[in-house]
Amino acid sequence: MATLLRKIGLIRLHNRDTEDPKHHHNHRGGGQQSASLRGKGGAKSGGHKQQQQLQQQQQHPGGAGDASPGPGKGKGKRAAELAPRDKAPAAAAAAAAAAAAAGAGGPRERAAGARAGPGPAVAAAAAGGSLVPAARQQHCTQVRSRRLMKELQDIARLSDRFISVELVDESLFDWNVKLHQVDKDSVLWQDMKETNTEFILLNLTFPDNFPFSPPFMRVLSPRLENGYVLDGGAICMELLTPRGWSSAYTVEAVMRQFAASLVKGQGRICRKAGKSKKSFSRKEAEATFKSLVKTHEKYGWVTPPVSDG
């Protein structure tokens, strides 16, 4: 019974609260107050946003789309401004990366690249590089020609007719030189008189970089023995090697040194039957000269001075 009375009292209290006008007024007033507060806050934030938009429009009159740029748009604009500056390095880096990738590819990729051929840049570099050796070769040819023309003029002016020159097939770079005189007190001079040999014939060929490299010189006739003349007509003289050569040497000076070497080395005209008629060959002379250069570079050179002959 007591429980029932308590329930009835609770129901009455609930009905009184729900029917009380003051209660409804307070409840509605609180809701309206919270709504008005939210409205005021929204109005304030809306006004602040409109003010920001007006400021952005005044600073950037480009259009409504730029009035409220986000954080990402500012970075994008900065990147767009820096893009032209970084375009060339980026392109170079991309080209280098592509070249590296092509080189690092598999066999099929490398084969495809080889079939495609070099790129324009590589081809241009190769074309430019080929011009340098061509110009250098032309310059060397001019230097060699001027020097040899002067040598010919100087030899033609010799009063003692020590040597004379004939061009082989009208080539300025291939000479046959006649040595007319050696020491008249030498056995070689006596051999020349007895065999009616008027001169010793030699051949000189001048390389592309003459006078900075020595000519190749060999004896053609007669067949000589000793006197630093070896197989094939090769001549054992240090000044005829790259190490012993100087661009200051003239053909006349070389021939005088050779004449002294013949006398110093007891050179003789070969008179043995059969052997004396066998001519020297260029191939044999070149092989002999290369061999003797290696030998003398190892053990040293002995070249007689001009005063000894």
C-alpha atoms as a PDB file:
ATOM      1  CA  MET A   1       0.000   0.000   0.000  1.00  0.00           C
ATOM      2  CA  ALA A   2       2.827   2.367   0.837  1.00  0.00           C
ATOM      3  CA  THR A   3       4.484   1.573  -2.424  1.00  0.00           C
ATOM      4  CA  LEU A   4       1.286   2.402  -4.296  1.00  0.00           C
ATOM      5  CA  LEU A   5       0.994   5.755  -2.480  1.00  0.00           C
ATOM      6  CA  ARG A   6       4.571   6.663  -3.380  1.00  0.00           C
ATOM      7  CA  LYS A   7       3.935   5.881  -7.036  1.00  0.00           C
ATOM      8  CA  ILE A   8       0.793   8.072  -7.022  1.00  0.00           C
ATOM      9  CA  GLY A   9       2.749  10.926  -5.456  1.00  0.00           C
ATOM     10  CA  LEU A  10       5.452  10.674  -8.099  1.00  0.00           C
ATOM     11  CA  ILE A  11       2.884  10.763 -10.875  1.00  0.00           C
ATOM     12  CA  ARG A  12       1.304  13.897  -9.408  1.00  0.00           C
ATOM     13  CA  LEU A  13       4.642  15.613  -9.154  1.00  0.00           C
ATOM     14  CA  HIS A  14       5.420  14.776 -12.800  1.00  0.00           C
ATOM     15  CA  ASN A  15       2.084  16.086 -14.005  1.00  0.00           C
ATOM     16  CA  ARG A  16       2.568  19.304 -12.059  1.00  0.00           C
ATOM     17  CA  ASP A  17       5.958  19.898 -13.580  1.00  0.00           C
ATOM     18  CA  THR A  18       4.817  19.288 -17.100  1.00  0.00           C
ATOM     19  CA  GLU A  19       1.761  21.484 -16.736  1.00  0.00           C
ATOM     20  CA  ASP A  20       3.565  24.368 -14.990  1.00  0.00           C
ATOM     21  CA  PRO A  21       3.765  27.377 -17.405  1.00  0.00           C
ATOM     22  CA  LYS A  22       6.932  28.637 -15.735  1.00  0.00           C
ATOM     23  CA  HIS A  23       8.647  25.424 -16.522  1.00  0.00           C
ATOM     24  CA  HIS A  24       7.729  25.669 -20.207  1.00  0.00           C
ATOM     25  CA  HIS A  25       8.795  29.302 -20.315  1.00  0.00           C
ATOM     26  CA  ASN A  26      12.177  28.588 -18.840  1.00  0.00           C
ATOM     27  CA  HIS A  27      12.785  25.692 -21.122  1.00  0.00           C
ATOM     28  CA  ARG A  28      11.864  27.654 -24.219  1.00  0.00           C
ATOM     29  CA  GLY A  29      13.825  30.682 -23.098  1.00  0.00           C
ATOM     30  CA  GLY A  30      16.987  28.634 -22.599  1.00  0.00           C
ATOM     31  CA  GLY A  31      16.672  27.143 -26.082  1.00  0.00           C
ATOM     32  CA  GLN A  32      16.087  30.520 -27.635  1.00  0.00           C
ATOM     33  CA  GLN A  33      19.048  31.977 -25.751  1.00  0.00           C
ATOM     34  CA  SER A  34      21.391  29.230 -26.939  1.00  0.00           C
ATOM     35  CA  ALA A  35      20.094  29.600 -30.474  1.00  0.00           C
ATOM     36  CA  SER A  36      20.620  33.362 -30.353  1.00  0.00           C
ATOM     37  CA  LEU A  37      24.128  32.865 -29.057  1.00  0.00           C
ATOM     38  CA  ARG A  38      24.870  30.481 -31.890  1.00  0.00           C
ATOM     39  CA  GLY A  39      23.399  32.952 -34.359  1.00  0.00           C
ATOM     40  CA  LYS A  40      25.528  35.784 -33.049  1.00  0.00           C
ATOM     41  CA  GLY A  41      28.649  33.664 -33.225  1.00  0.00           C
ATOM     42  CA  GLY A  42      27.841  32.572 -36.776  1.00  0.00           C
ATOM     43  CA  ALA A  43      27.197  36.149 -37.796  1.00  0.00           C
ATOM     44  CA  LYS A  44      30.490  37.240 -36.334  1.00  0.00           C
ATOM     45  CA  SER A  45      32.413  34.451 -38.090  1.00  0.00           C
ATOM     46  CA  GLY A  46      30.532  35.139 -41.321  1.00  0.00           C
ATOM     47  CA  GLY A  47      31.387  38.834 -41.128  1.00  0.00           C
ATOM     48  CA  HIS A  48      35.037  38.024 -40.447  1.00  0.00           C
ATOM     49  CA  LYS A  49      35.138  35.728 -43.472  1.00  0.00           C
ATOM     50  CA  GLN A  50      33.522  38.363 -45.682  1.00  0.00           C
ATOM     51  CA  GLN A  51      36.082  40.902 -44.512  1.00  0.00           C
ATOM     52  CA  GLN A  52      38.911  38.480 -45.368  1.00  0.00           C
ATOM     53  CA  GLN A  53      37.381  37.858 -48.800  1.00  0.00           C
ATOM     54  CA  LEU A  54      37.184  41.608 -49.489  1.00  0.00           C
ATOM     55  CA  GLN A  55      40.818  42.039 -48.465  1.00  0.00           C
ATOM     56  CA  GLN A  56      41.894  39.149 -50.728  1.00  0.00           C
ATOM     57  CA  GLN A  57      39.930  40.615 -53.649  1.00  0.00           C
ATOM     58  CA  GLN A  58      41.611  43.987 -53.181  1.00  0.00           C
ATOM     59  CA  GLN A  59      45.052  42.383 -53.045  1.00  0.00           C
ATOM     60  CA  HIS A  60      44.360  39.912 -55.925  1.00  0.00           C
ATOM     61  CA  PRO A  61      41.816  41.410 -58.341  1.00  0.00           C
ATOM     62  CA  GLY A  62      42.191  38.428 -60.647  1.00  0.00           C
ATOM     63  CA  GLY A  63      38.802  36.897 -59.863  1.00  0.00           C
ATOM     64  CA  ALA A  64      36.651  35.235 -57.256  1.00  0.00           C
ATOM     65  CA  GLY A  65      38.606  32.006 -57.493  1.00  0.00           C
ATOM     66  CA  ASP A  66      41.669  33.761 -56.028  1.00  0.00           C
ATOM     67  CA  ALA A  67      39.784  35.523 -53.249  1.00  0.00           C
ATOM     68  CA  SER A  68      40.206  32.752 -50.718  1.00  0.00           C
ATOM     69  CA  PRO A  69      43.280  30.735 -51.639  1.00  0.00           C
ATOM     70  CA  GLY A  70      44.037  27.780 -49.457  1.00  0.00           C
ATOM     71  CA  PRO A  71      47.403  26.788 -48.089  1.00  0.00           C
ATOM     72  CA  GLY A  72      48.029  24.470 -51.016  1.00  0.00           C
ATOM     73  CA  LYS A  73      47.453  27.193 -53.606  1.00  0.00           C
ATOM     74  CA  GLY A  74      50.169  29.435 -52.161  1.00  0.00           C
ATOM     75  CA  LYS A  75      52.715  26.639 -52.401  1.00  0.00           C
ATOM     76  CA  GLY A  76      51.604  25.844 -55.947  1.00  0.00           C
ATOM     77  CA  LYS A  77      52.069  29.452 -56.997  1.00  0.00           C
ATOM     78  CA  ARG A  78      55.566  29.509 -55.506  1.00  0.00           C
ATOM     79  CA  ALA A  79      56.421  26.287 -57.318  1.00  0.00           C
ATOM     80  CA  ALA A  80      55.096  27.752 -60.582  1.00  0.00           C
ATOM     81  CA  GLU A  81      57.377  30.774 -60.180  1.00  0.00           C
ATOM     82  CA  LEU A  82      60.429  28.569 -59.584  1.00  0.00           C
ATOM     83  CA  ALA A  83      59.591  26.142 -62.404  1.00  0.00           C
ATOM     84  CA  PRO A  84      61.304  28.122 -65.246  1.00  0.00           C
ATOM     85  CA  ARG A  85      64.495  28.389 -63.220  1.00  0.00           C
ATOM     86  CA  ASP A  86      64.604  24.676 -62.546  1.00  0.00           C
ATOM     87  CA  LYS A  87      63.582  23.634 -66.051  1.00  0.00           C
ATOM     88  CA  ALA A  88      67.079  23.427 -67.571  1.00  0.00           C
ATOM     89  CA  PRO A  89      68.715  21.536 -64.644  1.00  0.00           C
ATOM     90  CA  ALA A  90      65.732  19.230 -64.516  1.00  0.00           C
ATOM     91  CA  ALA A  91      66.012  18.542 -68.233  1.00  0.00           C
ATOM     92  CA  ALA A  92      69.748  17.865 -67.906  1.00  0.00           C
ATOM     93  CA  ALA A  93      69.154  15.570 -64.961  1.00  0.00           C
ATOM     94  CA  ALA A  94      66.443  13.759 -66.878  1.00  0.00           C
ATOM     95  CA  ALA A  95      68.781  13.295 -69.854  1.00  0.00           C
ATOM     96  CA  ALA A  96      71.535  11.975 -67.596  1.00  0.00           C
ATOM     97  CA  ALA A  97      69.084   9.635 -65.908  1.00  0.00           C
ATOM     98  CA  ALA A  98      67.863   8.393 -69.268  1.00  0.00           C
ATOM     99  CA  ALA A  99      71.433   7.755 -70.411  1.00  0.00           C
ATOM    100  CA  ALA A 100      72.205   5.930 -67.192  1.00  0.00           C
ATOM    101  CA  ALA A 101      69.036   3.895 -67.508  1.00  0.00           C
ATOM    102  CA  ALA A 102      69.907   2.989 -71.080  1.00  0.00           C
ATOM    103  CA  GLY A 103      73.377   1.897 -70.033  1.00  0.00           C
ATOM    104  CA  ALA A 104      72.049  -0.030 -67.049  1.00  0.00           C
ATOM    105  CA  GLY A 105      69.397  -1.868 -69.001  1.00  0.00           C
ATOM    106  CA  GLY A 106      69.454  -5.476 -69.943  1.00  0.00           C
ATOM    107  CA  PRO A 107      70.998  -6.949 -73.080  1.00  0.00           C
ATOM    108  CA  ARG A 108      67.846  -6.336 -75.093  1.00  0.00           C
ATOM    109  CA  GLU A 109      67.676  -2.656 -74.097  1.00  0.00           C
ATOM    110  CA  ARG A 110      71.353  -2.106 -74.863  1.00  0.00           C
ATOM    111  CA  ALA A 111      71.003  -3.869 -78.203  1.00  0.00           C
ATOM    112  CA  ALA A 112      68.015  -1.671 -79.069  1.00  0.00           C
ATOM    113  CA  GLY A 113      69.982   1.439 -78.135  1.00  0.00           C
ATOM    114  CA  ALA A 114      72.917   0.309 -80.266  1.00  0.00           C
ATOM    115  CA  ARG A 115      70.623  -0.203 -83.251  1.00  0.00           C
ATOM    116  CA  ALA A 116      69.057   3.221 -82.738  1.00  0.00           C
ATOM    117  CA  GLY A 117      72.495   4.842 -82.825  1.00  0.00           C
ATOM    118  CA  PRO A 118      73.809   7.809 -80.809  1.00  0.00           C
ATOM    119  CA  GLY A 119      71.562  10.705 -79.976  1.00  0.00           C
ATOM    120  CA  PRO A 120      71.832  14.152 -81.569  1.00  0.00           C
ATOM    121  CA  ALA A 121      74.012  15.506 -78.765  1.00  0.00           C
ATOM    122  CA  VAL A 122      76.429  12.604 -79.005  1.00  0.00           C
ATOM    123  CA  ALA A 123      76.539  12.872 -82.782  1.00  0.00           C
ATOM    124  CA  ALA A 124      77.228  16.603 -82.599  1.00  0.00           C
ATOM    125  CA  ALA A 125      80.026  16.067 -80.085  1.00  0.00           C
ATOM    126  CA  ALA A 126      81.562  13.401 -82.310  1.00  0.00           C
ATOM    127  CA  ALA A 127      81.340  15.657 -85.340  1.00  0.00           C
ATOM    128  CA  GLY A 128      82.988  18.502 -83.464  1.00  0.00           C
ATOM    129  CA  GLY A 129      85.745  16.233 -82.158  1.00  0.00           C
ATOM    130  CA  SER A 130      86.580  14.957 -85.650  1.00  0.00           C
ATOM    131  CA  LEU A 131      87.363  18.498 -86.786  1.00  0.00           C
ATOM    132  CA  VAL A 132      90.224  18.890 -84.319  1.00  0.00           C
ATOM    133  CA  PRO A 133      92.433  16.043 -85.655  1.00  0.00           C
ATOM    134  CA  ALA A 134      91.750  17.137 -89.236  1.00  0.00           C
ATOM    135  CA  ALA A 135      92.892  20.694 -88.525  1.00  0.00           C
ATOM    136  CA  ARG A 136      95.893  19.407 -86.602  1.00  0.00           C
ATOM    137  CA  GLN A 137      96.888  17.104 -89.456  1.00  0.00           C
ATOM    138  CA  GLN A 138      96.614  19.951 -91.937  1.00  0.00           C
ATOM    139  CA  HIS A 139      98.824  22.116 -89.738  1.00  0.00           C
ATOM    140  CA  CYS A 140     101.436  19.332 -89.445  1.00  0.00           C
ATOM    141  CA  THR A 141     101.448  18.876 -93.212  1.00  0.00           C
ATOM    142  CA  GLN A 142     102.078  22.581 -93.730  1.00  0.00           C
ATOM    143  CA  VAL A 143     104.928  22.616 -91.200  1.00  0.00           C
ATOM    144  CA  ARG A 144     106.525  19.538 -92.748  1.00  0.00           C
ATOM    145  CA  SER A 145     106.246  20.905 -96.285  1.00  0.00           C
ATOM    146  CA  ARG A 146     107.777  24.278 -95.417  1.00  0.00           C
ATOM    147  CA  ARG A 147     110.633  22.648 -93.562  1.00  0.00           C
ATOM    148  CA  LEU A 148     111.458  20.208 -96.376  1.00  0.00           C
ATOM    149  CA  MET A 149     111.319  22.924 -99.030  1.00  0.00           C
ATOM    150  CA  LYS A 150     113.831  24.906 -97.028  1.00  0.00           C
ATOM    151  CA  GLU A 151     115.995  21.784 -96.646  1.00  0.00           C
ATOM    152  CA  LEU A 152     116.034  21.263-100.417  1.00  0.00           C
ATOM    153  CA  GLN A 153     117.054  24.866-101.033  1.00  0.00           C
ATOM    154  CA  ASP A 154     119.877  24.655 -98.499  1.00  0.00           C
ATOM    155  CA  ILE A 155     121.216  21.405-100.003  1.00  0.00           C
ATOM    156  CA  ALA A 156     121.130  22.929-103.496  1.00  0.00           C
ATOM    157  CA  ARG A 157     123.355  25.763-102.256  1.00  0.00           C
ATOM    158  CA  LEU A 158     126.092  23.433-100.933  1.00  0.00           C
ATOM    159  CA  SER A 159     129.401  24.335-102.544  1.00  0.00           C
ATOM    160  CA  ASP A 160     131.214  21.050-101.848  1.00  0.00           C
ATOM    161  CA  ARG A 161     128.530  18.871-103.498  1.00  0.00           C
ATOM    162  CA  PHE A 162     128.559  16.687-100.420  1.00  0.00           C
ATOM    163  CA  ILE A 163     125.070  15.268-101.096  1.00  0.00           C
ATOM    164  CA  SER A 164     122.339  15.544-103.729  1.00  0.00           C
ATOM    165  CA  VAL A 165     118.634  14.786-103.533  1.00  0.00           C
ATOM    166  CA  GLU A 166     116.089  13.217-105.889  1.00  0.00           C
ATOM    167  CA  LEU A 167     112.391  13.047-105.047  1.00  0.00           C
ATOM    168  CA  VAL A 168     110.818   9.577-105.276  1.00  0.00           C
ATOM    169  CA  ASP A 169     107.766   9.759-107.583  1.00  0.00           C
ATOM    170  CA  GLU A 170     107.765  13.551-107.197  1.00  0.00           C
ATOM    171  CA  SER A 171     106.907  13.187-103.504  1.00  0.00           C
ATOM    172  CA  LEU A 172     108.273  15.862-101.216  1.00  0.00           C
ATOM    173  CA  PHE A 173     108.186  13.394 -98.327  1.00  0.00           C
ATOM    174  CA  ASP A 174     110.216  10.578 -99.905  1.00  0.00           C
ATOM    175  CA  TRP A 175     113.849  11.289-100.846  1.00  0.00           C
ATOM    176  CA  ASN A 176     116.687   9.401-102.414  1.00  0.00           C
ATOM    177  CA  VAL A 177     119.893  11.008-101.167  1.00  0.00           C
ATOM    178  CA  LYS A 178     123.271  10.447-102.795  1.00  0.00           C
ATOM    179  CA  LEU A 179     126.280  10.647-100.509  1.00  0.00           C
ATOM    180  CA  HIS A 180     129.170  11.601-102.807  1.00  0.00           C
ATOM    181  CA  GLN A 181     131.978  12.014-100.301  1.00  0.00           C
ATOM    182  CA  VAL A 182     133.442  10.256 -97.305  1.00  0.00           C
ATOM    183  CA  ASP A 183     136.802  10.656 -95.639  1.00  0.00           C
ATOM    184  CA  LYS A 184     139.364  10.257 -98.412  1.00  0.00           C
ATOM    185  CA  ASP A 185     141.814   8.597 -96.034  1.00  0.00           C
ATOM    186  CA  SER A 186     139.369   5.821 -95.185  1.00  0.00           C
ATOM    187  CA  VAL A 187     139.262   2.274 -96.575  1.00  0.00           C
ATOM    188  CA  LEU A 188     135.676   2.922 -97.660  1.00  0.00           C
ATOM    189  CA  TRP A 189     136.822   5.686 -99.980  1.00  0.00           C
ATOM    190  CA  GLN A 190     139.394   3.335-101.449  1.00  0.00           C
ATOM    191  CA  ASP A 191     136.670   0.714-101.995  1.00  0.00           C
ATOM    192  CA  MET A 192     134.558   3.260-103.803  1.00  0.00           C
ATOM    193  CA  LYS A 193     137.425   4.134-106.090  1.00  0.00           C
ATOM    194  CA  GLU A 194     138.276   0.519-106.819  1.00  0.00           C
ATOM    195  CA  THR A 195     134.672  -0.465-107.557  1.00  0.00           C
ATOM    196  CA  ASN A 196     133.872   2.739-109.456  1.00  0.00           C
ATOM    197  CA  THR A 197     131.155   3.577-106.956  1.00  0.00           C
ATOM    198  CA  GLU A 198     130.349   7.277-107.352  1.00  0.00           C
ATOM    199  CA  PHE A 199     128.026   7.584-104.389  1.00  0.00           C
ATOM    200  CA  ILE A 200     126.261   5.731-101.601  1.00  0.00           C
ATOM    201  CA  LEU A 201     122.506   5.849-102.138  1.00  0.00           C
ATOM    202  CA  LEU A 202     120.174   6.225 -99.185  1.00  0.00           C
ATOM    203  CA  ASN A 203     116.404   6.586 -98.813  1.00  0.00           C
ATOM    204  CA  LEU A 204     114.744   8.969 -96.347  1.00  0.00           C
ATOM    205  CA  THR A 205     111.004   9.001 -95.634  1.00  0.00           C
ATOM    206  CA  PHE A 206     109.612  11.801 -93.504  1.00  0.00           C
ATOM    207  CA  PRO A 207     106.714  11.121 -91.102  1.00  0.00           C
ATOM    208  CA  ASP A 208     103.655  13.335 -90.754  1.00  0.00           C
ATOM    209  CA  ASN A 209     105.003  15.084 -87.646  1.00  0.00           C
ATOM    210  CA  PHE A 210     108.448  15.851 -89.079  1.00  0.00           C
ATOM    211  CA  PRO A 211     110.568  17.753 -87.976  1.00  0.00           C
ATOM    212  CA  PHE A 212     109.405  16.782 -84.492  1.00  0.00           C
ATOM    213  CA  SER A 213     110.040  13.111 -85.267  1.00  0.00           C
ATOM    214  CA  PRO A 214     113.042  11.690 -87.133  1.00  0.00           C
ATOM    215  CA  PRO A 215     112.949  10.413 -90.705  1.00  0.00           C
ATOM    216  CA  PHE A 216     113.379   6.726 -91.402  1.00  0.00           C
ATOM    217  CA  MET A 217     116.737   6.351 -93.156  1.00  0.00           C
ATOM    218  CA  ARG A 218     118.280   3.269 -94.763  1.00  0.00           C
ATOM    219  CA  VAL A 219     121.022   2.378 -97.253  1.00  0.00           C
ATOM    220  CA  LEU A 220     119.922   1.254-100.724  1.00  0.00           C
ATOM    221  CA  SER A 221     123.232   0.652-102.487  1.00  0.00           C
ATOM    222  CA  PRO A 222     125.954  -0.490-102.618  1.00  0.00           C
ATOM    223  CA  ARG A 223     125.688  -3.302-100.115  1.00  0.00           C
ATOM    224  CA  LEU A 224     127.835  -2.275 -97.136  1.00  0.00           C
ATOM    225  CA  GLU A 225     129.379  -4.226 -94.304  1.00  0.00           C
ATOM    226  CA  ASN A 226     130.089  -2.832 -90.833  1.00  0.00           C
ATOM    227  CA  GLY A 227     130.085   0.930 -90.435  1.00  0.00           C
ATOM    228  CA  TYR A 228     126.909   0.650 -88.264  1.00  0.00           C
ATOM    229  CA  VAL A 229     124.949  -0.528 -91.308  1.00  0.00           C
ATOM    230  CA  LEU A 230     122.895  -3.599 -90.413  1.00  0.00           C
ATOM    231  CA  ASP A 231     120.598  -6.075 -92.166  1.00  0.00           C
ATOM    232  CA  GLY A 232     118.272  -4.542 -94.720  1.00  0.00           C
ATOM    233  CA  GLY A 233     120.371  -1.371 -94.799  1.00  0.00           C
ATOM    234  CA  ALA A 234     119.205  -0.213 -91.345  1.00  0.00           C
ATOM    235  CA  ILE A 235     121.465   2.354 -89.693  1.00  0.00           C
ATOM    236  CA  CYS A 236     122.432   2.199 -86.042  1.00  0.00           C
ATOM    237  CA  MET A 237     122.431   5.865 -84.982  1.00  0.00           C
ATOM    238  CA  GLU A 238     120.843   7.273 -81.856  1.00  0.00           C
ATOM    239  CA  LEU A 239     119.880  10.552 -83.488  1.00  0.00           C
ATOM    240  CA  LEU A 240     117.565   8.636 -85.833  1.00  0.00           C
ATOM    241  CA  THR A 241     115.459   7.456 -82.857  1.00  0.00           C
ATOM    242  CA  PRO A 242     112.670   9.439 -81.173  1.00  0.00           C
ATOM    243  CA  ARG A 243     114.765   9.708 -78.012  1.00  0.00           C
ATOM    244  CA  GLY A 244     117.882  11.004 -79.762  1.00  0.00           C
ATOM    245  CA  TRP A 245     116.192  13.173 -82.359  1.00  0.00           C
ATOM    246  CA  SER A 246     115.931  16.974 -82.241  1.00  0.00           C
ATOM    247  CA  SER A 247     113.854  19.165 -84.526  1.00  0.00           C
ATOM    248  CA  ALA A 248     116.950  21.340 -84.963  1.00  0.00           C
ATOM    249  CA  TYR A 249     118.709  18.589 -86.938  1.00  0.00           C
ATOM    250  CA  THR A 250     118.862  19.151 -90.696  1.00  0.00           C
ATOM    251  CA  VAL A 251     119.167  16.538 -93.412  1.00  0.00           C
ATOM    252  CA  GLU A 252     122.653  17.785 -94.202  1.00  0.00           C
ATOM    253  CA  ALA A 253     123.737  17.411 -90.552  1.00  0.00           C
ATOM    254  CA  VAL A 254     122.296  13.887 -90.399  1.00  0.00           C
ATOM    255  CA  MET A 255     124.143  12.867 -93.561  1.00  0.00           C
ATOM    256  CA  ARG A 256     127.449  14.223 -92.285  1.00  0.00           C
ATOM    257  CA  GLN A 257     126.965  12.278 -89.061  1.00  0.00           C
ATOM    258  CA  PHE A 258     126.243   9.147 -91.072  1.00  0.00           C
ATOM    259  CA  ALA A 259     129.405   9.606 -93.159  1.00  0.00           C
ATOM    260  CA  ALA A 260     131.421   9.884 -89.935  1.00  0.00           C
ATOM    261  CA  SER A 261     129.789   6.718 -88.572  1.00  0.00           C
ATOM    262  CA  LEU A 262     130.726   4.773 -91.701  1.00  0.00           C
ATOM    263  CA  VAL A 263     134.369   5.673 -91.298  1.00  0.00           C
ATOM    264  CA  LYS A 264     134.383   5.157 -87.535  1.00  0.00           C
ATOM    265  CA  GLY A 265     132.791   1.740 -87.862  1.00  0.00           C
ATOM    266  CA  GLN A 266     135.223   0.565 -90.563  1.00  0.00           C
ATOM    267  CA  GLY A 267     132.517   0.347 -93.207  1.00  0.00           C
ATOM    268  CA  ARG A 268     133.394  -1.524 -96.404  1.00  0.00           C
ATOM    269  CA  ILE A 269     131.736  -2.305 -99.703  1.00  0.00           C
ATOM    270  CA  CYS A 270     130.750  -5.961 -99.799  1.00  0.00           C
ATOM    271  CA  ARG A 271     132.615  -7.840-102.540  1.00  0.00           C
ATOM    272  CA  LYS A 272     131.559 -11.400-101.752  1.00  0.00           C
ATOM    273  CA  ALA A 273     130.172 -13.295-104.699  1.00  0.00           C
ATOM    274  CA  GLY A 274     126.403 -13.450-104.723  1.00  0.00           C
ATOM    275  CA  LYS A 275     125.959 -11.506-101.511  1.00  0.00           C
ATOM    276  CA  SER A 276     127.157  -8.229-102.992  1.00  0.00           C
ATOM    277  CA  LYS A 277     124.396  -8.284-105.608  1.00  0.00           C
ATOM    278  CA  LYS A 278     121.605  -8.845-103.116  1.00  0.00           C
ATOM    279  CA  SER A 279     119.764  -5.567-102.536  1.00  0.00           C
ATOM    280  CA  PHE A 280     118.534  -4.271 -99.213  1.00  0.00           C
ATOM    281  CA  SER A 281     114.789  -4.369 -98.490  1.00  0.00           C
ATOM    282  CA  ARG A 282     112.720  -1.833 -96.589  1.00  0.00           C
ATOM    283  CA  LYS A 283     110.813  -4.466 -94.643  1.00  0.00           C
ATOM    284  CA  GLU A 284     114.000  -6.054 -93.371  1.00  0.00           C
ATOM    285  CA  ALA A 285     115.468  -2.635 -92.543  1.00  0.00           C
ATOM    286  CA  GLU A 286     112.414  -1.625 -90.485  1.00  0.00           C
ATOM    287  CA  ALA A 287     112.438  -4.880 -88.508  1.00  0.00           C
ATOM    288  CA  THR A 288     116.183  -4.581 -87.835  1.00  0.00           C
ATOM    289  CA  PHE A 289     115.877  -0.954 -86.749  1.00  0.00           C
ATOM    290  CA  LYS A 290     113.100  -1.726 -84.247  1.00  0.00           C
ATOM    291  CA  SER A 291     115.170  -4.534 -82.777  1.00  0.00           C
ATOM    292  CA  LEU A 292     118.338  -2.462 -82.409  1.00  0.00           C
ATOM    293  CA  VAL A 293     116.421   0.419 -80.805  1.00  0.00           C
ATOM    294  CA  LYS A 294     115.132  -1.938 -78.092  1.00  0.00           C
ATOM    295  CA  THR A 295     118.619  -3.324 -77.539  1.00  0.00           C
ATOM    296  CA  HIS A 296     120.324   0.046 -77.257  1.00  0.00           C
ATOM    297  CA  GLU A 297     117.629   1.504 -75.028  1.00  0.00           C
ATOM    298  CA  LYS A 298     118.463  -1.301 -72.623  1.00  0.00           C
ATOM    299  CA  TYR A 299     122.263  -1.152 -72.824  1.00  0.00           C
ATOM    300  CA  GLY A 300     122.927   2.400 -74.007  1.00  0.00           C
ATOM    301  CA  TRP A 301     124.037   4.070 -77.233  1.00  0.00           C
ATOM    302  CA  VAL A 302     127.455   4.753 -78.726  1.00  0.00           C
ATOM    303  CA  THR A 303     127.447   7.296 -81.545  1.00  0.00           C
ATOM    304  CA  PRO A 304     130.807   8.513 -82.852  1.00  0.00           C
ATOM    305  CA  PRO A 305     131.204  12.295 -83.032  1.00  0.00           C
ATOM    306  CA  VAL A 306     131.732  14.044 -86.358  1.00  0.00           C
ATOM    307  CA  SER A 307     135.308  14.982 -85.370  1.00  0.00           C
ATOM    308  CA  ASP A 308     136.273  11.287 -85.352  1.00  0.00           C
ATOM    309  CA  GLY A 309     135.459  10.829 -89.026  1.00  0.00           C
END
